[in-house]
Every structure is written in C-alpha cells, then in structure tokens.
Amino acid sequence: MSAETFESFKQDSQTAYATNLALVEDIPFEVALKSASDQFDKLVPTGTDTQGQSFFDVLETGSGKPVGYLWLGT
C-alpha cells in the first residue's frame, strides 16, 4: 500500500469506526472521531512502517481496480 493510499485508508477507517462508536456508545460523532483517531495513531504510530502491521490494497482480478483494503497485524 502506498503512503497516499494509506492516508485514504486511515481516514476511511477512522470515519467508519467513529460512526459505529457514536451509535453504540451514544456519544457525539466528534468525540467518537477523536477517540478513533487516537486509537489508530496508537496502533499504527508510523503508518505503513509500523512493525508487525501489514497493509494491502485489494484489487479486482480482471480489471485491477481497487475494491478495498486489508490490514493484518501480527
């Protein structure tokens, strides 16, 4: 995953998690987004260079079009 794609993945992931967190915890979205951002930064402090974490683009086989992301932690 490129650094540019990682930034998109990071933003999408934080927004999706914050949306769920706000709903489940019944807290304002802004509070949930801050929590999501803090947690992400703690888990992945150096982005794609974070030791023990691997990030991949998921591509459609025929076209090569991006269809998602994969994050694996070891």
C-alpha atoms as a PDB file:
ATOM      1  CA  MET A   1       0.000   0.000   0.000  1.00  0.00           C
ATOM      2  CA  SER A   2       1.380   3.384  -0.970  1.00  0.00           C
ATOM      3  CA  ALA A   3       1.617   6.244   1.512  1.00  0.00           C
ATOM      4  CA  GLU A   4      -1.094   8.089  -0.434  1.00  0.00           C
ATOM      5  CA  THR A   5      -3.445   5.105  -0.331  1.00  0.00           C
ATOM      6  CA  PHE A   6      -2.686   4.614   3.367  1.00  0.00           C
ATOM      7  CA  GLU A   7      -3.874   8.139   4.148  1.00  0.00           C
ATOM      8  CA  SER A   8      -7.165   7.433   2.368  1.00  0.00           C
ATOM      9  CA  PHE A   9      -7.468   4.085   4.176  1.00  0.00           C
ATOM     10  CA  LYS A  10      -6.720   5.767   7.506  1.00  0.00           C
ATOM     11  CA  GLN A  11      -9.349   8.451   7.009  1.00  0.00           C
ATOM     12  CA  ASP A  12     -11.981   5.967   5.785  1.00  0.00           C
ATOM     13  CA  SER A  13     -11.255   3.590   8.678  1.00  0.00           C
ATOM     14  CA  GLN A  14     -11.409   6.281  11.326  1.00  0.00           C
ATOM     15  CA  THR A  15     -14.665   7.696   9.952  1.00  0.00           C
ATOM     16  CA  ALA A  16     -16.330   4.266   9.752  1.00  0.00           C
ATOM     17  CA  TYR A  17     -15.187   3.320  13.253  1.00  0.00           C
ATOM     18  CA  ALA A  18     -16.259   6.674  14.676  1.00  0.00           C
ATOM     19  CA  THR A  19     -19.702   6.338  13.084  1.00  0.00           C
ATOM     20  CA  ASN A  20     -20.192   2.942  14.745  1.00  0.00           C
ATOM     21  CA  LEU A  21     -18.713   4.112  18.037  1.00  0.00           C
ATOM     22  CA  ALA A  22     -21.001   7.157  18.171  1.00  0.00           C
ATOM     23  CA  LEU A  23     -24.036   4.960  17.578  1.00  0.00           C
ATOM     24  CA  VAL A  24     -23.121   2.209  20.035  1.00  0.00           C
ATOM     25  CA  GLU A  25     -21.811   4.471  22.795  1.00  0.00           C
ATOM     26  CA  ASP A  26     -24.424   7.192  22.167  1.00  0.00           C
ATOM     27  CA  ILE A  27     -21.783   9.911  22.038  1.00  0.00           C
ATOM     28  CA  PRO A  28     -21.327  12.849  19.658  1.00  0.00           C
ATOM     29  CA  PHE A  29     -19.624  11.961  16.389  1.00  0.00           C
ATOM     30  CA  GLU A  30     -16.838  14.485  17.023  1.00  0.00           C
ATOM     31  CA  VAL A  31     -15.962  12.755  20.324  1.00  0.00           C
ATOM     32  CA  ALA A  32     -16.043   9.357  18.643  1.00  0.00           C
ATOM     33  CA  LEU A  33     -13.845  10.597  15.786  1.00  0.00           C
ATOM     34  CA  LYS A  34     -11.247  11.900  18.250  1.00  0.00           C
ATOM     35  CA  SER A  35     -11.248   8.536  20.011  1.00  0.00           C
ATOM     36  CA  ALA A  36     -10.952   6.658  16.703  1.00  0.00           C
ATOM     37  CA  SER A  37      -8.064   8.878  15.626  1.00  0.00           C
ATOM     38  CA  ASP A  38      -6.253   8.450  18.937  1.00  0.00           C
ATOM     39  CA  GLN A  39      -6.658   4.659  18.847  1.00  0.00           C
ATOM     40  CA  PHE A  40      -5.491   4.422  15.236  1.00  0.00           C
ATOM     41  CA  ASP A  41      -2.429   6.540  15.980  1.00  0.00           C
ATOM     42  CA  LYS A  42      -1.611   4.325  18.968  1.00  0.00           C
ATOM     43  CA  LEU A  43      -1.962   1.104  16.924  1.00  0.00           C
ATOM     44  CA  VAL A  44      -0.142   2.396  13.845  1.00  0.00           C
ATOM     45  CA  PRO A  45       2.244   5.132  15.045  1.00  0.00           C
ATOM     46  CA  THR A  46       4.474   5.055  11.976  1.00  0.00           C
ATOM     47  CA  GLY A  47       1.877   4.269   9.316  1.00  0.00           C
ATOM     48  CA  THR A  48       2.804   1.529   6.862  1.00  0.00           C
ATOM     49  CA  ASP A  49       6.241   1.310   8.505  1.00  0.00           C
ATOM     50  CA  THR A  50       4.758   0.164  11.830  1.00  0.00           C
ATOM     51  CA  GLN A  51       6.439  -3.077  12.842  1.00  0.00           C
ATOM     52  CA  GLY A  52       4.073  -6.065  12.974  1.00  0.00           C
ATOM     53  CA  GLN A  53       1.440  -4.419  10.767  1.00  0.00           C
ATOM     54  CA  SER A  54       0.943  -5.073   7.061  1.00  0.00           C
ATOM     55  CA  PHE A  55      -1.326  -3.124   4.719  1.00  0.00           C
ATOM     56  CA  PHE A  56      -2.517  -4.164   1.273  1.00  0.00           C
ATOM     57  CA  ASP A  57      -4.733  -2.866  -1.499  1.00  0.00           C
ATOM     58  CA  VAL A  58      -7.379  -5.371  -2.595  1.00  0.00           C
ATOM     59  CA  LEU A  59      -7.725  -5.338  -6.383  1.00  0.00           C
ATOM     60  CA  GLU A  60     -10.367  -6.844  -8.647  1.00  0.00           C
ATOM     61  CA  THR A  61      -8.656  -9.614 -10.582  1.00  0.00           C
ATOM     62  CA  GLY A  62      -9.857  -8.817 -14.084  1.00  0.00           C
ATOM     63  CA  SER A  63      -9.560  -5.055 -14.132  1.00  0.00           C
ATOM     64  CA  GLY A  64      -7.027  -4.384 -11.407  1.00  0.00           C
ATOM     65  CA  LYS A  65      -9.467  -1.817  -9.998  1.00  0.00           C
ATOM     66  CA  PRO A  66      -9.100  -1.159  -6.237  1.00  0.00           C
ATOM     67  CA  VAL A  67     -12.036  -2.616  -4.312  1.00  0.00           C
ATOM     68  CA  GLY A  68     -10.842  -2.439  -0.714  1.00  0.00           C
ATOM     69  CA  TYR A  69      -8.062  -2.664   1.823  1.00  0.00           C
ATOM     70  CA  LEU A  70      -6.570  -5.355   4.026  1.00  0.00           C
ATOM     71  CA  TRP A  71      -4.823  -4.708   7.338  1.00  0.00           C
ATOM     72  CA  LEU A  72      -3.055  -7.621   9.038  1.00  0.00           C
ATOM     73  CA  GLY A  73      -1.443  -7.399  12.428  1.00  0.00           C
ATOM     74  CA  THR A  74       0.949  -9.989  13.776  1.00  0.00           C
END
